[in-house]
Protein backbone atom coordinates (compact mmCIF):
# COMPACT_ATOMS: atom_id res chain seq x y z
CA MET A 1 -145.95 -155.74 243.68
CA LYS A 2 -142.79 -157.68 242.82
CA ILE A 3 -141.56 -157.01 239.29
CA LYS A 4 -141.15 -160.21 237.29
CA GLN A 5 -137.80 -160.27 235.51
CA ILE A 6 -137.71 -161.99 232.11
CA ALA A 7 -134.48 -162.74 230.24
CA VAL A 8 -134.92 -162.67 226.46
CA LEU A 9 -132.43 -164.96 224.72
CA ILE A 10 -131.52 -164.54 221.03
CA THR A 11 -128.64 -165.78 218.88
CA CYS A 12 -127.73 -164.46 215.45
CA HIS A 13 -125.25 -164.83 212.63
CA ASN A 14 -124.90 -162.59 209.57
CA ARG A 15 -128.50 -161.55 208.98
CA LYS A 16 -128.54 -158.09 210.48
CA ASP A 17 -131.76 -156.96 208.76
CA LYS A 18 -133.75 -159.83 210.26
CA THR A 19 -132.09 -159.43 213.65
CA ILE A 20 -132.90 -155.71 213.79
CA ALA A 21 -136.48 -156.34 212.61
CA CYS A 22 -136.90 -158.93 215.37
CA LEU A 23 -135.57 -156.56 218.03
CA LYS A 24 -137.77 -153.77 216.70
CA SER A 25 -140.87 -155.94 217.07
CA LEU A 26 -139.76 -157.00 220.56
CA PHE A 27 -139.29 -153.44 221.82
CA GLU A 28 -142.56 -152.33 220.19
CA ALA A 29 -144.53 -155.21 221.73
CA GLU A 30 -146.89 -154.62 224.64
CA LEU A 31 -145.12 -155.13 227.96
CA PRO A 32 -147.76 -155.83 230.63
CA TYR A 33 -147.47 -154.00 233.93
CA GLY A 34 -145.27 -155.78 236.45
CA TYR A 35 -142.86 -157.30 233.92
CA LYS A 36 -139.36 -156.24 232.92
CA LEU A 37 -137.28 -157.60 230.01
CA ASP A 38 -133.51 -157.92 229.78
CA VAL A 39 -132.26 -158.92 226.32
CA TYR A 40 -129.20 -161.15 225.79
CA LEU A 41 -128.05 -161.42 222.18
CA VAL A 42 -125.28 -163.78 221.11
CA ASP A 43 -123.62 -162.50 217.94
CA ASP A 44 -121.91 -165.64 216.74
CA GLY A 45 -119.09 -164.26 214.65
CA SER A 46 -121.13 -162.05 212.31
CA ILE A 47 -119.10 -160.06 209.79
CA ASP A 48 -122.01 -158.01 208.44
CA GLY A 49 -121.94 -155.39 211.22
CA THR A 50 -124.80 -156.90 213.24
CA ASP A 51 -123.27 -156.06 216.62
CA GLU A 52 -122.54 -152.43 215.70
CA LEU A 53 -126.06 -151.95 214.36
CA VAL A 54 -127.66 -153.48 217.45
CA GLU A 55 -125.46 -151.45 219.78
CA ARG A 56 -126.33 -148.25 217.94
CA ASN A 57 -130.09 -148.83 217.89
CA TYR A 58 -130.71 -150.85 221.07
CA LYS A 59 -128.19 -149.85 223.71
CA SER A 60 -129.92 -151.86 226.45
CA VAL A 61 -129.24 -155.17 224.69
CA ASN A 62 -126.50 -157.27 226.28
CA ILE A 63 -124.34 -158.36 223.33
CA ILE A 64 -122.28 -161.52 223.82
CA LYS A 65 -119.66 -162.41 221.22
CA GLY A 66 -119.52 -165.99 219.98
CA ASN A 67 -116.65 -167.70 218.18
CA GLY A 68 -118.56 -168.28 214.95
CA ASN A 69 -119.00 -172.01 215.58
CA LEU A 70 -121.82 -172.05 218.11
CA PHE A 71 -124.73 -172.59 215.73
CA TRP A 72 -128.26 -172.07 217.12
CA ALA A 73 -128.39 -174.35 220.16
CA GLY A 74 -124.86 -173.44 221.21
CA GLY A 75 -125.62 -169.75 220.92
CA MET A 76 -128.79 -170.09 222.96
CA ARG A 77 -126.94 -171.97 225.69
CA LEU A 78 -124.34 -169.19 225.83
CA ALA A 79 -127.04 -166.52 226.14
CA TRP A 80 -128.89 -168.60 228.72
CA ASN A 81 -125.82 -169.12 230.89
CA ALA A 82 -124.91 -165.42 230.64
CA ALA A 83 -128.38 -164.47 231.86
CA MET A 84 -128.30 -166.94 234.75
CA GLU A 85 -124.90 -165.65 235.85
CA LYS A 86 -126.27 -162.11 236.05
CA LEU A 87 -129.61 -162.63 237.78
CA SER A 88 -132.09 -165.22 239.00
CA TYR A 89 -134.78 -164.51 236.40
CA ASP A 90 -138.42 -165.51 236.79
CA ALA A 91 -138.52 -166.82 233.22
CA TYR A 92 -136.44 -167.11 230.06
CA LEU A 93 -137.91 -166.14 226.71
CA LEU A 94 -136.19 -167.75 223.73
CA ILE A 95 -136.75 -166.00 220.38
CA ASN A 96 -135.38 -166.75 216.92
CA ASP A 97 -133.91 -163.67 215.30
CA ASP A 98 -136.02 -164.20 212.15
CA VAL A 99 -139.31 -163.86 214.06
CA TYR A 100 -141.39 -160.69 213.84
CA LEU A 101 -143.41 -160.58 217.04
CA GLU A 102 -147.07 -159.65 217.36
CA VAL A 103 -147.75 -156.69 219.69
CA PRO A 104 -149.68 -158.78 222.29
CA PHE A 105 -147.44 -161.87 222.14
CA LEU A 106 -146.22 -161.46 225.73
CA ARG A 107 -149.78 -161.25 227.00
CA ASN A 108 -150.51 -164.59 225.29
CA LEU A 109 -147.55 -166.21 227.05
CA ILE A 110 -148.42 -164.67 230.41
CA LYS A 111 -152.02 -165.84 229.99
CA THR A 112 -150.62 -169.36 229.47
CA ASP A 113 -148.54 -169.10 232.64
CA GLU A 114 -151.60 -168.04 234.60
CA PHE A 115 -153.54 -170.94 233.09
CA SER A 116 -150.79 -173.40 234.02
CA LEU A 117 -150.60 -172.14 237.60
CA LYS A 118 -154.37 -172.34 237.99
CA ASN A 119 -154.82 -175.78 236.40
CA LYS A 120 -151.53 -177.53 237.17
CA GLY A 121 -150.34 -175.66 240.24
CA GLU A 122 -146.97 -174.85 238.64
CA SER A 123 -145.36 -172.92 235.82
CA GLY A 124 -144.01 -174.63 232.73
CA ILE A 125 -142.90 -174.24 229.11
CA TYR A 126 -145.02 -172.36 226.57
CA SER A 127 -144.47 -172.11 222.83
CA GLY A 128 -145.88 -169.25 220.76
CA ALA A 129 -147.17 -170.10 217.29
CA THR A 130 -145.87 -168.28 214.22
CA VAL A 131 -147.29 -167.94 210.73
CA ASP A 132 -145.90 -167.35 207.26
CA ASP A 133 -146.56 -163.66 206.64
CA GLU A 134 -147.59 -164.35 203.02
CA THR A 135 -149.70 -167.51 203.24
CA ASN A 136 -150.76 -167.15 206.89
CA ALA A 137 -150.06 -170.88 207.35
CA ILE A 138 -148.77 -172.02 210.74
CA THR A 139 -145.00 -172.49 210.52
CA TYR A 140 -143.83 -173.14 214.10
CA GLY A 141 -145.33 -173.64 217.55
CA GLY A 142 -146.41 -176.82 219.29
CA SER A 143 -147.14 -180.37 218.13
CA ASN A 144 -148.44 -183.60 219.58
CA ILE A 145 -147.08 -187.06 218.86
CA THR A 146 -149.59 -189.11 216.88
CA ALA A 147 -147.62 -192.37 216.69
CA SER A 148 -144.72 -193.45 218.85
CA HIS A 149 -144.02 -197.12 218.23
CA VAL A 150 -142.05 -198.21 215.18
CA ILE A 151 -142.55 -194.88 213.39
CA VAL A 152 -142.92 -191.53 215.17
CA LYS A 153 -145.16 -188.89 213.64
CA SER A 154 -146.45 -185.60 214.97
CA GLN A 155 -149.32 -183.23 214.29
CA ARG A 156 -148.85 -179.48 214.50
CA LEU A 157 -151.47 -177.71 216.61
CA ILE A 158 -153.51 -174.74 215.43
CA PRO A 159 -153.64 -172.07 218.16
CA THR A 160 -157.02 -171.16 219.61
CA GLU A 161 -158.10 -168.60 222.20
CA TYR A 162 -156.93 -170.89 224.98
CA PRO A 163 -153.67 -172.69 225.88
CA GLN A 164 -153.39 -176.24 224.57
CA PRO A 165 -151.19 -179.01 225.99
CA CYS A 166 -148.50 -180.15 223.59
CA GLU A 167 -145.51 -182.47 223.56
CA LEU A 168 -143.08 -180.96 221.06
CA THR A 169 -142.22 -177.27 221.12
CA ASN A 170 -140.41 -175.08 218.64
CA ALA A 171 -138.26 -172.45 220.32
CA ASN A 172 -138.91 -169.74 217.73
CA ILE A 173 -140.92 -168.22 220.58
CA LEU A 174 -140.56 -170.19 223.80
CA TRP A 175 -141.21 -169.20 227.42
CA VAL A 176 -139.32 -171.30 229.99
CA SER A 177 -140.20 -170.66 233.62
CA LYS A 178 -137.50 -170.49 236.29
CA GLU A 179 -138.96 -173.55 237.99
CA VAL A 180 -138.36 -175.57 234.82
CA VAL A 181 -134.69 -174.56 234.64
CA ASP A 182 -134.28 -175.35 238.34
CA LYS A 183 -135.64 -178.83 237.67
CA ILE A 184 -134.16 -179.89 234.31
CA GLY A 185 -131.52 -177.28 233.44
CA ILE A 186 -131.16 -175.79 229.96
CA PHE A 187 -130.60 -177.27 226.48
CA ASP A 188 -128.67 -180.54 226.30
CA VAL A 189 -125.04 -179.86 225.30
CA ARG A 190 -125.16 -182.76 222.85
CA PHE A 191 -127.20 -180.64 220.42
CA THR A 192 -125.29 -178.21 218.22
CA HIS A 193 -128.02 -176.58 216.16
CA GLY A 194 -131.53 -178.02 215.91
CA ILE A 195 -133.48 -180.70 217.84
CA ALA A 196 -132.60 -179.11 221.21
CA ASP A 197 -136.06 -177.55 221.57
CA TYR A 198 -137.93 -180.82 220.86
CA ASP A 199 -135.64 -182.65 223.27
CA TYR A 200 -136.23 -180.00 225.93
CA SER A 201 -140.03 -180.26 225.89
CA LEU A 202 -139.87 -184.07 225.98
CA ARG A 203 -137.50 -183.91 228.94
CA ALA A 204 -139.98 -181.61 230.67
CA ILE A 205 -142.92 -183.93 230.05
CA LYS A 206 -141.00 -186.86 231.52
CA GLN A 207 -140.66 -184.76 234.69
CA LYS A 208 -144.43 -183.97 234.67
CA ILE A 209 -143.77 -180.30 233.84
CA PRO A 210 -146.66 -178.53 232.04
CA VAL A 211 -146.00 -177.85 228.35
CA TYR A 212 -148.46 -175.70 226.38
CA LEU A 213 -149.00 -173.98 223.07
CA ALA A 214 -149.97 -170.40 223.91
CA PRO A 215 -153.23 -168.95 222.58
CA ASN A 216 -153.46 -166.92 219.38
CA ILE A 217 -150.70 -166.13 216.90
CA CYS A 218 -147.57 -164.76 218.54
CA GLY A 219 -145.45 -163.83 215.53
CA ALA A 220 -144.50 -164.25 211.90
CA CYS A 221 -141.67 -166.55 210.80
CA THR A 222 -141.20 -168.11 207.39
CA ASN A 223 -140.26 -171.78 207.21
CA ASP A 224 -137.58 -171.58 204.53
CA TYR A 225 -135.80 -174.88 205.13
CA GLY A 226 -137.31 -176.74 202.16
CA ASP A 227 -136.57 -180.47 201.77
CA ASN A 228 -134.36 -181.91 204.49
CA TRP A 229 -132.28 -183.95 202.08
CA LYS A 230 -130.08 -183.35 199.06
CA PRO A 231 -131.33 -184.52 195.62
CA SER A 232 -129.69 -187.20 193.45
CA SER A 233 -128.07 -184.48 191.35
CA THR A 234 -125.87 -183.57 194.33
CA ALA A 235 -122.53 -185.40 194.48
CA LEU A 236 -122.49 -188.27 197.00
CA LYS A 237 -119.67 -186.73 199.05
CA HIS A 238 -121.76 -183.58 199.49
CA ARG A 239 -124.82 -185.66 200.46
CA ILE A 240 -122.76 -187.44 203.12
CA ALA A 241 -121.41 -184.11 204.37
CA TYR A 242 -125.01 -182.88 204.64
CA LEU A 243 -125.94 -186.06 206.53
CA LYS A 244 -123.34 -185.26 209.19
CA SER A 245 -123.71 -181.48 209.24
CA PRO A 246 -125.38 -179.82 212.28
CA LYS A 247 -127.43 -177.73 209.83
CA GLY A 248 -128.20 -180.77 207.69
CA LEU A 249 -129.49 -184.11 208.94
CA ALA A 250 -127.27 -183.97 212.07
CA TYR A 251 -126.79 -187.75 211.93
CA ASN A 252 -125.23 -188.40 215.34
CA GLU A 253 -127.39 -185.88 217.19
CA TYR A 254 -130.63 -187.06 215.60
CA LEU A 255 -129.92 -190.70 216.44
CA TYR A 256 -129.03 -189.65 220.00
CA TYR A 257 -132.39 -187.85 220.25
CA ILE A 258 -134.29 -190.87 218.89
CA ARG A 259 -132.43 -193.32 221.14
CA LYS A 260 -133.20 -191.09 224.13
CA HIS A 261 -136.92 -190.59 223.56
CA PHE A 262 -138.13 -193.16 220.98
CA PRO A 263 -135.80 -196.18 221.13
CA LEU A 264 -138.14 -198.41 219.11
CA PHE A 265 -137.91 -195.86 216.29
CA LEU A 266 -134.12 -196.18 216.08
CA PRO A 267 -133.87 -198.85 213.33
CA TYR A 268 -136.26 -196.94 211.07
CA SER A 269 -134.41 -193.69 211.74
CA PHE A 270 -131.06 -195.23 210.85
CA VAL A 271 -132.41 -196.59 207.55
CA MET A 272 -134.26 -193.35 206.80
CA LEU A 273 -131.15 -191.17 207.19
CA TRP A 274 -129.04 -193.37 204.92
CA LEU A 275 -131.83 -193.79 202.37
CA LYS A 276 -132.12 -190.01 202.12
CA THR A 277 -128.37 -189.84 201.59
CA ILE A 278 -127.47 -192.82 199.41
CA LEU A 279 -130.72 -193.22 197.44
CA PRO A 280 -132.55 -189.89 197.64
CA PHE A 281 -134.59 -190.79 194.54
CA PHE A 282 -136.37 -193.59 196.41
CA TRP A 283 -136.90 -191.33 199.41
CA GLU A 284 -138.50 -188.73 197.14
CA LEU A 285 -140.83 -191.40 195.71
CA ALA A 286 -141.81 -192.51 199.23
CA LYS A 287 -142.55 -188.95 200.34
CA ARG A 288 -144.58 -188.32 197.19
CA LYS A 289 -146.63 -191.45 197.88
CA ASP A 290 -147.24 -190.29 201.46
CA SER A 291 -148.47 -186.90 200.25
CA ASP A 292 -150.79 -188.54 197.70
CA ASN A 293 -152.33 -190.61 200.46
């Protein structure tokens, strides 16, 4: 029996406790017979001793040093390229370093791959759902687009016992088969931090590649982003800086993503971004009205 080689890709920056907890859950997870994991961790300029702690506790991890300016998508691309240079892996498993993995999470992803091969005749992309470990609410996973004309909306899926097709994937836990990489490559270099995972699944769907949410809960990960805009009490110059920041509204990258996949949504997106920035009070009222409805 041929051993299937899986490259695990992680990027981190200055949160050593979460990074170590993630690696602990990974190495304690069930590894089904016939599979082997190689871990590639990009330490993007951490000054909290992350690399030393990882090296001391998990000697098998391949640590790659970043320059401190890679952000999430850049760090994942660096890890991905490092893995591809070393070996032709059967799949790539992307994991956020703030995820605590369930023991059977790999079995859920492998079950999805078997389902895809049986029903679609090819391997694809599979996202694993995560929950908030306090509220048990779904935080990340897969979503489907519910409107795609003037305004784009999406609905997050609730995992069941079986794989479900989806259109948007979070890469907090994301399995990408070798065949997918051979066909569409890795994350688009235009994305610095976020959005790269949504873009990737949409690119796959355009190429008729299967995209699924894996069955069951695969891990715990708290959504701690809060509101994605700065309130009126924040100085305008800081709101504009947040608009342009890769970890804020990522203005140029978000509009690139919308233009690429939802061109009719571009005028609304442009207005929305500036409304959040220039007149956040009105944006807050609009969001409150939406939630009331």
